All heavy atoms as atom14 arrays in JSON, in Angstrom:
{
  "sequence": "TEWLQDSDPSIRWQVMRDLLDSKQEIIASERNKIATEGWGSRLL",
  "atom14_mask": [
    [1, 1, 1, 1, 1, 1, 1, 0, 0, 0, 0, 0, 0, 0],
    [1, 1, 1, 1, 1, 1, 1, 1, 1, 0, 0, 0, 0, 0],
    [1, 1, 1, 1, 1, 1, 1, 1, 1, 1, 1, 1, 1, 1],
    [1, 1, 1, 1, 1, 1, 1, 1, 0, 0, 0, 0, 0, 0],
    [1, 1, 1, 1, 1, 1, 1, 1, 1, 0, 0, 0, 0, 0],
    [1, 1, 1, 1, 1, 1, 1, 1, 0, 0, 0, 0, 0, 0],
    [1, 1, 1, 1, 1, 1, 0, 0, 0, 0, 0, 0, 0, 0],
    [1, 1, 1, 1, 1, 1, 1, 1, 0, 0, 0, 0, 0, 0],
    [1, 1, 1, 1, 1, 1, 1, 0, 0, 0, 0, 0, 0, 0],
    [1, 1, 1, 1, 1, 1, 0, 0, 0, 0, 0, 0, 0, 0],
    [1, 1, 1, 1, 1, 1, 1, 1, 0, 0, 0, 0, 0, 0],
    [1, 1, 1, 1, 1, 1, 1, 1, 1, 1, 1, 0, 0, 0],
    [1, 1, 1, 1, 1, 1, 1, 1, 1, 1, 1, 1, 1, 1],
    [1, 1, 1, 1, 1, 1, 1, 1, 1, 0, 0, 0, 0, 0],
    [1, 1, 1, 1, 1, 1, 1, 0, 0, 0, 0, 0, 0, 0],
    [1, 1, 1, 1, 1, 1, 1, 1, 0, 0, 0, 0, 0, 0],
    [1, 1, 1, 1, 1, 1, 1, 1, 1, 1, 1, 0, 0, 0],
    [1, 1, 1, 1, 1, 1, 1, 1, 0, 0, 0, 0, 0, 0],
    [1, 1, 1, 1, 1, 1, 1, 1, 0, 0, 0, 0, 0, 0],
    [1, 1, 1, 1, 1, 1, 1, 1, 0, 0, 0, 0, 0, 0],
    [1, 1, 1, 1, 1, 1, 1, 1, 0, 0, 0, 0, 0, 0],
    [1, 1, 1, 1, 1, 1, 0, 0, 0, 0, 0, 0, 0, 0],
    [1, 1, 1, 1, 1, 1, 1, 1, 1, 0, 0, 0, 0, 0],
    [1, 1, 1, 1, 1, 1, 1, 1, 1, 0, 0, 0, 0, 0],
    [1, 1, 1, 1, 1, 1, 1, 1, 1, 0, 0, 0, 0, 0],
    [1, 1, 1, 1, 1, 1, 1, 1, 0, 0, 0, 0, 0, 0],
    [1, 1, 1, 1, 1, 1, 1, 1, 0, 0, 0, 0, 0, 0],
    [1, 1, 1, 1, 1, 0, 0, 0, 0, 0, 0, 0, 0, 0],
    [1, 1, 1, 1, 1, 1, 0, 0, 0, 0, 0, 0, 0, 0],
    [1, 1, 1, 1, 1, 1, 1, 1, 1, 0, 0, 0, 0, 0],
    [1, 1, 1, 1, 1, 1, 1, 1, 1, 1, 1, 0, 0, 0],
    [1, 1, 1, 1, 1, 1, 1, 1, 0, 0, 0, 0, 0, 0],
    [1, 1, 1, 1, 1, 1, 1, 1, 1, 0, 0, 0, 0, 0],
    [1, 1, 1, 1, 1, 1, 1, 1, 0, 0, 0, 0, 0, 0],
    [1, 1, 1, 1, 1, 0, 0, 0, 0, 0, 0, 0, 0, 0],
    [1, 1, 1, 1, 1, 1, 1, 0, 0, 0, 0, 0, 0, 0],
    [1, 1, 1, 1, 1, 1, 1, 1, 1, 0, 0, 0, 0, 0],
    [1, 1, 1, 1, 0, 0, 0, 0, 0, 0, 0, 0, 0, 0],
    [1, 1, 1, 1, 1, 1, 1, 1, 1, 1, 1, 1, 1, 1],
    [1, 1, 1, 1, 0, 0, 0, 0, 0, 0, 0, 0, 0, 0],
    [1, 1, 1, 1, 1, 1, 0, 0, 0, 0, 0, 0, 0, 0],
    [1, 1, 1, 1, 1, 1, 1, 1, 1, 1, 1, 0, 0, 0],
    [1, 1, 1, 1, 1, 1, 1, 1, 0, 0, 0, 0, 0, 0],
    [1, 1, 1, 1, 1, 1, 1, 1, 0, 0, 0, 0, 0, 0]
  ],
  "atom14_positions": [
    [[-15.29, -5.57, 166.48], [-15.77, -4.35, 165.78], [-16.39, -4.7, 164.47], [-17.4, -4.08, 164.08], [-14.7, -3.3, 165.65], [-13.58, -3.84, 164.96], [-14.29, -2.72, 166.98], [0.0, 0.0, 0.0], [0.0, 0.0, 0.0], [0.0, 0.0, 0.0], [0.0, 0.0, 0.0], [0.0, 0.0, 0.0], [0.0, 0.0, 0.0], [0.0, 0.0, 0.0]],
    [[-15.89, -5.71, 163.76], [-16.51, -6.13, 162.51], [-17.89, -6.68, 162.79], [-18.85, -6.4, 162.07], [-15.64, -7.21, 161.82], [-14.44, -6.65, 161.15], [-13.56, -7.76, 160.57], [-14.09, -8.93, 160.37], [-12.39, -7.45, 160.28], [0.0, 0.0, 0.0], [0.0, 0.0, 0.0], [0.0, 0.0, 0.0], [0.0, 0.0, 0.0], [0.0, 0.0, 0.0]],
    [[-18.05, -7.46, 163.84], [-19.33, -8.02, 164.22], [-20.31, -6.94, 164.6], [-21.48, -6.95, 164.14], [-19.13, -9.0, 165.4], [-20.4, -9.56, 165.92], [-21.21, -10.54, 165.32], [-21.04, -9.21, 167.15], [-22.28, -10.8, 166.12], [-22.2, -10.03, 167.26], [-20.7, -8.36, 168.18], [-23.07, -9.94, 168.32], [-21.56, -8.29, 169.3], [-22.71, -9.08, 169.34]],
    [[-19.85, -5.94, 165.33], [-20.72, -4.82, 165.71], [-21.09, -3.99, 164.5], [-22.23, -3.52, 164.39], [-20.02, -3.96, 166.77], [-19.85, -4.52, 168.12], [-18.93, -3.69, 168.96], [-21.2, -4.69, 168.82], [0.0, 0.0, 0.0], [0.0, 0.0, 0.0], [0.0, 0.0, 0.0], [0.0, 0.0, 0.0], [0.0, 0.0, 0.0], [0.0, 0.0, 0.0]],
    [[-20.18, -3.88, 163.57], [-20.48, -3.1, 162.33], [-21.48, -3.79, 161.45], [-22.18, -3.2, 160.64], [-19.19, -2.84, 161.54], [-18.25, -1.82, 162.19], [-18.83, -0.45, 162.12], [-19.6, 0.0, 162.96], [-18.51, 0.27, 161.07], [0.0, 0.0, 0.0], [0.0, 0.0, 0.0], [0.0, 0.0, 0.0], [0.0, 0.0, 0.0], [0.0, 0.0, 0.0]],
    [[-21.6, -5.12, 161.6], [-22.56, -5.89, 160.8], [-23.86, -5.98, 161.56], [-24.43, -7.04, 161.78], [-21.99, -7.3, 160.54], [-22.8, -8.06, 159.55], [-23.45, -7.47, 158.68], [-22.82, -9.33, 159.66], [0.0, 0.0, 0.0], [0.0, 0.0, 0.0], [0.0, 0.0, 0.0], [0.0, 0.0, 0.0], [0.0, 0.0, 0.0], [0.0, 0.0, 0.0]],
    [[-24.34, -4.82, 162.01], [-25.52, -4.78, 162.9], [-26.42, -3.7, 162.42], [-26.41, -3.21, 161.32], [-25.02, -4.59, 164.34], [-26.12, -4.61, 165.22], [0.0, 0.0, 0.0], [0.0, 0.0, 0.0], [0.0, 0.0, 0.0], [0.0, 0.0, 0.0], [0.0, 0.0, 0.0], [0.0, 0.0, 0.0], [0.0, 0.0, 0.0], [0.0, 0.0, 0.0]],
    [[-27.2, -3.19, 163.37], [-28.2, -2.13, 163.13], [-27.54, -0.74, 163.13], [-26.5, -0.55, 163.79], [-29.2, -2.18, 164.33], [-30.42, -1.34, 164.07], [-31.32, -1.82, 163.34], [-30.48, -0.23, 164.59], [0.0, 0.0, 0.0], [0.0, 0.0, 0.0], [0.0, 0.0, 0.0], [0.0, 0.0, 0.0], [0.0, 0.0, 0.0], [0.0, 0.0, 0.0]],
    [[-28.08, 0.21, 162.35], [-27.51, 1.55, 162.35], [-27.37, 2.18, 163.72], [-26.43, 2.91, 163.99], [-28.49, 2.37, 161.5], [-29.16, 1.37, 160.65], [-29.24, 0.12, 161.44], [0.0, 0.0, 0.0], [0.0, 0.0, 0.0], [0.0, 0.0, 0.0], [0.0, 0.0, 0.0], [0.0, 0.0, 0.0], [0.0, 0.0, 0.0], [0.0, 0.0, 0.0]],
    [[-28.27, 1.8, 164.64], [-28.22, 2.4, 166.01], [-26.99, 1.92, 166.77], [-26.58, 2.58, 167.72], [-29.48, 2.05, 166.81], [-29.61, 0.65, 166.95], [0.0, 0.0, 0.0], [0.0, 0.0, 0.0], [0.0, 0.0, 0.0], [0.0, 0.0, 0.0], [0.0, 0.0, 0.0], [0.0, 0.0, 0.0], [0.0, 0.0, 0.0], [0.0, 0.0, 0.0]],
    [[-26.41, 0.81, 166.36], [-25.16, 0.33, 166.97], [-23.96, 0.81, 166.14], [-22.98, 1.25, 166.68], [-25.2, -1.2, 167.07], [-26.27, -1.64, 168.09], [-23.84, -1.74, 167.47], [-26.48, -3.09, 168.18], [0.0, 0.0, 0.0], [0.0, 0.0, 0.0], [0.0, 0.0, 0.0], [0.0, 0.0, 0.0], [0.0, 0.0, 0.0], [0.0, 0.0, 0.0]],
    [[-24.11, 0.72, 164.83], [-22.96, 1.08, 163.96], [-22.42, 2.46, 164.17], [-21.23, 2.67, 164.29], [-23.34, 0.91, 162.49], [-23.34, -0.54, 162.02], [-23.34, -0.64, 160.5], [-24.49, 0.02, 159.91], [-25.63, -0.6, 159.55], [-25.76, -1.89, 159.8], [-26.57, 0.06, 158.95], [0.0, 0.0, 0.0], [0.0, 0.0, 0.0], [0.0, 0.0, 0.0]],
    [[-23.34, 3.46, 164.31], [-22.84, 4.83, 164.44], [-22.11, 5.01, 165.72], [-21.14, 5.77, 165.76], [-23.99, 5.87, 164.29], [-24.84, 6.1, 165.52], [-25.97, 5.41, 165.84], [-24.61, 7.02, 166.51], [-26.47, 5.91, 167.04], [-25.67, 6.91, 167.48], [-23.65, 8.03, 166.78], [-25.77, 7.68, 168.6], [-23.79, 8.79, 167.9], [-24.8, 8.61, 168.8]],
    [[-22.51, 4.35, 166.78], [-21.8, 4.43, 168.05], [-20.48, 3.77, 168.03], [-19.5, 4.2, 168.63], [-22.68, 3.88, 169.2], [-23.95, 4.74, 169.4], [-24.84, 4.24, 170.43], [-24.52, 4.35, 171.65], [-25.97, 3.65, 170.07], [0.0, 0.0, 0.0], [0.0, 0.0, 0.0], [0.0, 0.0, 0.0], [0.0, 0.0, 0.0], [0.0, 0.0, 0.0]],
    [[-20.36, 2.64, 167.33], [-19.11, 1.96, 167.12], [-18.16, 2.88, 166.35], [-16.97, 3.0, 166.72], [-19.3, 0.62, 166.4], [-17.99, -0.01, 166.01], [-20.07, -0.34, 167.28], [0.0, 0.0, 0.0], [0.0, 0.0, 0.0], [0.0, 0.0, 0.0], [0.0, 0.0, 0.0], [0.0, 0.0, 0.0], [0.0, 0.0, 0.0], [0.0, 0.0, 0.0]],
    [[-18.69, 3.45, 165.33], [-17.85, 4.38, 164.53], [-17.33, 5.53, 165.35], [-16.17, 5.95, 165.25], [-18.66, 4.94, 163.35], [-19.01, 3.93, 162.3], [-20.1, 4.68, 161.08], [-20.2, 3.39, 159.9], [0.0, 0.0, 0.0], [0.0, 0.0, 0.0], [0.0, 0.0, 0.0], [0.0, 0.0, 0.0], [0.0, 0.0, 0.0], [0.0, 0.0, 0.0]],
    [[-18.22, 6.07, 166.25], [-17.82, 7.21, 167.08], [-16.89, 6.83, 168.2], [-15.86, 7.46, 168.44], [-19.1, 7.85, 167.65], [-18.82, 9.06, 168.57], [-20.02, 9.44, 169.35], [-20.4, 8.33, 170.26], [-21.54, 8.28, 170.96], [-22.43, 9.23, 170.82], [-21.76, 7.27, 171.77], [0.0, 0.0, 0.0], [0.0, 0.0, 0.0], [0.0, 0.0, 0.0]],
    [[-17.24, 5.78, 168.9], [-16.55, 5.39, 170.17], [-15.35, 4.49, 169.98], [-14.44, 4.49, 170.79], [-17.52, 4.78, 171.13], [-18.66, 5.73, 171.5], [-18.51, 6.94, 171.36], [-19.72, 5.22, 171.98], [0.0, 0.0, 0.0], [0.0, 0.0, 0.0], [0.0, 0.0, 0.0], [0.0, 0.0, 0.0], [0.0, 0.0, 0.0], [0.0, 0.0, 0.0]],
    [[-15.38, 3.63, 168.97], [-14.32, 2.62, 168.85], [-13.46, 2.82, 167.63], [-12.26, 2.47, 167.66], [-14.95, 1.21, 168.79], [-15.8, 0.78, 170.02], [-16.42, -0.59, 169.79], [-14.95, 0.83, 171.26], [0.0, 0.0, 0.0], [0.0, 0.0, 0.0], [0.0, 0.0, 0.0], [0.0, 0.0, 0.0], [0.0, 0.0, 0.0], [0.0, 0.0, 0.0]],
    [[-14.0, 3.33, 166.56], [-13.23, 3.44, 165.3], [-12.73, 4.87, 165.04], [-11.95, 5.05, 164.1], [-14.06, 2.94, 164.14], [-14.56, 1.51, 164.25], [-15.41, 1.15, 163.03], [-13.35, 0.55, 164.36], [0.0, 0.0, 0.0], [0.0, 0.0, 0.0], [0.0, 0.0, 0.0], [0.0, 0.0, 0.0], [0.0, 0.0, 0.0], [0.0, 0.0, 0.0]],
    [[-13.2, 5.83, 165.78], [-12.78, 7.22, 165.61], [-12.96, 7.63, 164.15], [-12.08, 8.26, 163.54], [-11.34, 7.41, 166.03], [-10.98, 8.88, 166.26], [-11.88, 9.66, 166.65], [-9.79, 9.22, 166.02], [0.0, 0.0, 0.0], [0.0, 0.0, 0.0], [0.0, 0.0, 0.0], [0.0, 0.0, 0.0], [0.0, 0.0, 0.0], [0.0, 0.0, 0.0]],
    [[-14.13, 7.31, 163.58], [-14.44, 7.66, 162.18], [-14.68, 9.16, 162.05], [-14.93, 9.85, 163.04], [-15.71, 6.89, 161.76], [-15.52, 5.51, 161.8], [0.0, 0.0, 0.0], [0.0, 0.0, 0.0], [0.0, 0.0, 0.0], [0.0, 0.0, 0.0], [0.0, 0.0, 0.0], [0.0, 0.0, 0.0], [0.0, 0.0, 0.0], [0.0, 0.0, 0.0]],
    [[-14.68, 9.59, 160.8], [-14.93, 11.05, 160.53], [-16.37, 11.34, 160.88], [-17.28, 10.54, 160.75], [-14.66, 11.31, 159.05], [-13.21, 11.2, 158.71], [-13.01, 11.56, 157.24], [-11.52, 11.42, 156.89], [-11.3, 11.71, 155.49], [0.0, 0.0, 0.0], [0.0, 0.0, 0.0], [0.0, 0.0, 0.0], [0.0, 0.0, 0.0], [0.0, 0.0, 0.0]],
    [[-16.6, 12.6, 161.34], [-17.93, 13.05, 161.76], [-18.97, 12.92, 160.65], [-20.11, 12.56, 160.96], [-17.86, 14.53, 162.2], [-17.14, 14.7, 163.51], [-17.81, 13.99, 164.68], [-19.02, 13.91, 164.79], [-16.99, 13.37, 165.54], [0.0, 0.0, 0.0], [0.0, 0.0, 0.0], [0.0, 0.0, 0.0], [0.0, 0.0, 0.0], [0.0, 0.0, 0.0]],
    [[-18.61, 13.14, 159.42], [-19.54, 13.05, 158.29], [-20.03, 11.6, 158.13], [-21.2, 11.38, 157.88], [-18.95, 13.5, 156.97], [-18.37, 14.93, 156.99], [-16.97, 14.99, 157.55], [-16.11, 14.14, 157.36], [-16.73, 16.02, 158.3], [0.0, 0.0, 0.0], [0.0, 0.0, 0.0], [0.0, 0.0, 0.0], [0.0, 0.0, 0.0], [0.0, 0.0, 0.0]],
    [[-19.14, 10.65, 158.3], [-19.52, 9.24, 158.2], [-20.38, 8.81, 159.33], [-21.4, 8.11, 159.14], [-18.22, 8.36, 158.12], [-17.45, 8.72, 156.82], [-18.58, 6.9, 158.16], [-16.08, 8.09, 156.76], [0.0, 0.0, 0.0], [0.0, 0.0, 0.0], [0.0, 0.0, 0.0], [0.0, 0.0, 0.0], [0.0, 0.0, 0.0], [0.0, 0.0, 0.0]],
    [[-20.07, 9.28, 160.54], [-20.87, 8.96, 161.72], [-22.28, 9.52, 161.54], [-23.27, 8.87, 161.77], [-20.21, 9.52, 163.02], [-18.87, 8.8, 163.23], [-21.12, 9.37, 164.19], [-17.98, 9.47, 164.27], [0.0, 0.0, 0.0], [0.0, 0.0, 0.0], [0.0, 0.0, 0.0], [0.0, 0.0, 0.0], [0.0, 0.0, 0.0], [0.0, 0.0, 0.0]],
    [[-22.36, 10.8, 161.14], [-23.63, 11.45, 160.93], [-24.47, 10.74, 159.9], [-25.68, 10.57, 160.05], [-23.44, 12.91, 160.59], [0.0, 0.0, 0.0], [0.0, 0.0, 0.0], [0.0, 0.0, 0.0], [0.0, 0.0, 0.0], [0.0, 0.0, 0.0], [0.0, 0.0, 0.0], [0.0, 0.0, 0.0], [0.0, 0.0, 0.0], [0.0, 0.0, 0.0]],
    [[-23.86, 10.35, 158.81], [-24.57, 9.64, 157.76], [-25.15, 8.34, 158.28], [-26.32, 7.99, 157.98], [-23.61, 9.39, 156.59], [-24.24, 8.6, 155.64], [0.0, 0.0, 0.0], [0.0, 0.0, 0.0], [0.0, 0.0, 0.0], [0.0, 0.0, 0.0], [0.0, 0.0, 0.0], [0.0, 0.0, 0.0], [0.0, 0.0, 0.0], [0.0, 0.0, 0.0]],
    [[-24.38, 7.59, 159.04], [-24.83, 6.34, 159.61], [-25.99, 6.59, 160.64], [-26.97, 5.92, 160.63], [-23.72, 5.56, 160.26], [-24.07, 4.13, 160.58], [-24.44, 3.32, 159.38], [-23.85, 3.48, 158.31], [-25.34, 2.47, 159.48], [0.0, 0.0, 0.0], [0.0, 0.0, 0.0], [0.0, 0.0, 0.0], [0.0, 0.0, 0.0], [0.0, 0.0, 0.0]],
    [[-25.82, 7.6, 161.43], [-26.82, 7.92, 162.47], [-28.17, 8.33, 161.82], [-29.22, 7.98, 162.33], [-26.29, 9.04, 163.35], [-27.25, 9.3, 164.53], [-26.66, 10.37, 165.43], [-27.59, 10.6, 166.53], [-27.42, 11.54, 167.46], [-26.34, 12.29, 167.41], [-28.28, 11.68, 168.43], [0.0, 0.0, 0.0], [0.0, 0.0, 0.0], [0.0, 0.0, 0.0]],
    [[-28.07, 9.0, 160.67], [-29.33, 9.37, 159.99], [-30.13, 8.18, 159.5], [-31.32, 8.3, 159.29], [-28.99, 10.28, 158.79], [-28.61, 11.68, 159.23], [-29.04, 12.15, 160.3], [-27.81, 12.34, 158.4], [0.0, 0.0, 0.0], [0.0, 0.0, 0.0], [0.0, 0.0, 0.0], [0.0, 0.0, 0.0], [0.0, 0.0, 0.0], [0.0, 0.0, 0.0]],
    [[-29.52, 7.04, 159.37], [-30.23, 5.82, 158.9], [-31.14, 5.25, 159.96], [-32.02, 4.43, 159.66], [-29.2, 4.74, 158.52], [-28.39, 5.13, 157.29], [-27.36, 4.05, 156.97], [-26.46, 4.46, 155.84], [-25.41, 3.42, 155.57], [0.0, 0.0, 0.0], [0.0, 0.0, 0.0], [0.0, 0.0, 0.0], [0.0, 0.0, 0.0], [0.0, 0.0, 0.0]],
    [[-31.02, 5.69, 161.22], [-31.84, 5.13, 162.31], [-33.3, 5.3, 162.03], [-34.12, 4.42, 162.33], [-31.44, 5.74, 163.66], [-30.02, 5.31, 164.02], [-32.43, 5.38, 164.74], [-29.4, 6.1, 165.16], [0.0, 0.0, 0.0], [0.0, 0.0, 0.0], [0.0, 0.0, 0.0], [0.0, 0.0, 0.0], [0.0, 0.0, 0.0], [0.0, 0.0, 0.0]],
    [[-33.69, 6.46, 161.43], [-35.11, 6.69, 161.15], [-35.65, 5.9, 159.95], [-36.86, 5.74, 159.83], [-35.3, 8.18, 160.9], [0.0, 0.0, 0.0], [0.0, 0.0, 0.0], [0.0, 0.0, 0.0], [0.0, 0.0, 0.0], [0.0, 0.0, 0.0], [0.0, 0.0, 0.0], [0.0, 0.0, 0.0], [0.0, 0.0, 0.0], [0.0, 0.0, 0.0]],
    [[-34.75, 5.39, 159.12], [-35.24, 4.76, 157.9], [-34.87, 3.27, 157.75], [-35.36, 2.62, 156.85], [-34.68, 5.49, 156.65], [-33.21, 5.5, 156.73], [-35.17, 6.95, 156.63], [0.0, 0.0, 0.0], [0.0, 0.0, 0.0], [0.0, 0.0, 0.0], [0.0, 0.0, 0.0], [0.0, 0.0, 0.0], [0.0, 0.0, 0.0], [0.0, 0.0, 0.0]],
    [[-34.01, 2.78, 158.61], [-33.58, 1.39, 158.54], [-33.56, 0.76, 159.94], [-33.34, 1.44, 160.94], [-32.15, 1.29, 157.98], [-32.01, 1.83, 156.59], [-30.58, 1.78, 156.09], [-29.76, 1.01, 156.66], [-30.25, 2.51, 155.16], [0.0, 0.0, 0.0], [0.0, 0.0, 0.0], [0.0, 0.0, 0.0], [0.0, 0.0, 0.0], [0.0, 0.0, 0.0]],
    [[-33.77, -0.53, 159.99], [-33.55, -1.27, 161.24], [-34.53, -1.01, 162.34], [-35.68, -0.66, 162.11], [0.0, 0.0, 0.0], [0.0, 0.0, 0.0], [0.0, 0.0, 0.0], [0.0, 0.0, 0.0], [0.0, 0.0, 0.0], [0.0, 0.0, 0.0], [0.0, 0.0, 0.0], [0.0, 0.0, 0.0], [0.0, 0.0, 0.0], [0.0, 0.0, 0.0]],
    [[-34.02, -1.15, 163.58], [-34.86, -1.07, 164.74], [-35.55, 0.26, 164.92], [-36.72, 0.31, 165.3], [-34.06, -1.42, 166.0], [-33.39, -2.73, 166.0], [-33.82, -3.87, 165.41], [-32.12, -3.01, 166.6], [-32.9, -4.88, 165.59], [-31.87, -4.41, 166.33], [-31.21, -2.3, 167.3], [-30.7, -5.02, 166.79], [-30.03, -2.92, 167.78], [-29.79, -4.27, 167.5]],
    [[-34.86, 1.33, 164.67], [-35.43, 2.69, 164.79], [-36.6, 2.87, 163.85], [-37.66, 3.34, 164.24], [0.0, 0.0, 0.0], [0.0, 0.0, 0.0], [0.0, 0.0, 0.0], [0.0, 0.0, 0.0], [0.0, 0.0, 0.0], [0.0, 0.0, 0.0], [0.0, 0.0, 0.0], [0.0, 0.0, 0.0], [0.0, 0.0, 0.0], [0.0, 0.0, 0.0]],
    [[-36.43, 2.48, 162.6], [-37.45, 2.57, 161.61], [-38.68, 1.73, 162.02], [-39.81, 2.16, 161.88], [-36.94, 2.12, 160.28], [-37.94, 2.11, 159.27], [0.0, 0.0, 0.0], [0.0, 0.0, 0.0], [0.0, 0.0, 0.0], [0.0, 0.0, 0.0], [0.0, 0.0, 0.0], [0.0, 0.0, 0.0], [0.0, 0.0, 0.0], [0.0, 0.0, 0.0]],
    [[-38.39, 0.56, 162.57], [-39.5, -0.33, 162.92], [-40.27, 0.32, 164.08], [-41.5, 0.29, 164.09], [-38.95, -1.7, 163.34], [-40.03, -2.67, 163.57], [-39.51, -4.07, 163.61], [-40.6, -4.99, 163.87], [-40.49, -6.24, 164.1], [-39.26, -6.76, 164.2], [-41.5, -7.01, 164.33], [0.0, 0.0, 0.0], [0.0, 0.0, 0.0], [0.0, 0.0, 0.0]],
    [[-39.58, 0.84, 165.08], [-40.3, 1.51, 166.18], [-41.11, 2.71, 165.68], [-42.29, 2.85, 166.08], [-39.3, 1.99, 167.25], [-38.79, 0.97, 168.18], [-37.65, 1.58, 169.04], [-39.87, 0.42, 169.1], [0.0, 0.0, 0.0], [0.0, 0.0, 0.0], [0.0, 0.0, 0.0], [0.0, 0.0, 0.0], [0.0, 0.0, 0.0], [0.0, 0.0, 0.0]],
    [[-40.55, 3.5, 164.81], [-41.26, 4.65, 164.25], [-42.51, 4.2, 163.51], [-43.52, 4.92, 163.49], [-40.33, 5.5, 163.41], [-39.26, 6.28, 164.08], [-38.28, 6.84, 163.11], [-39.87, 7.37, 165.02], [0.0, 0.0, 0.0], [0.0, 0.0, 0.0], [0.0, 0.0, 0.0], [0.0, 0.0, 0.0], [0.0, 0.0, 0.0], [0.0, 0.0, 0.0]]
  ]
}
């Protein structure tokens, strides 16, 4: 999970949701980064 967390926002938010049971606010904050950071930003 540490390795997955040291990755792209598109992976981190899903790890937080599915494996770490993080709070919804934290998950949403990470998911919002997809448009501005990493692979999602590059595709856009």
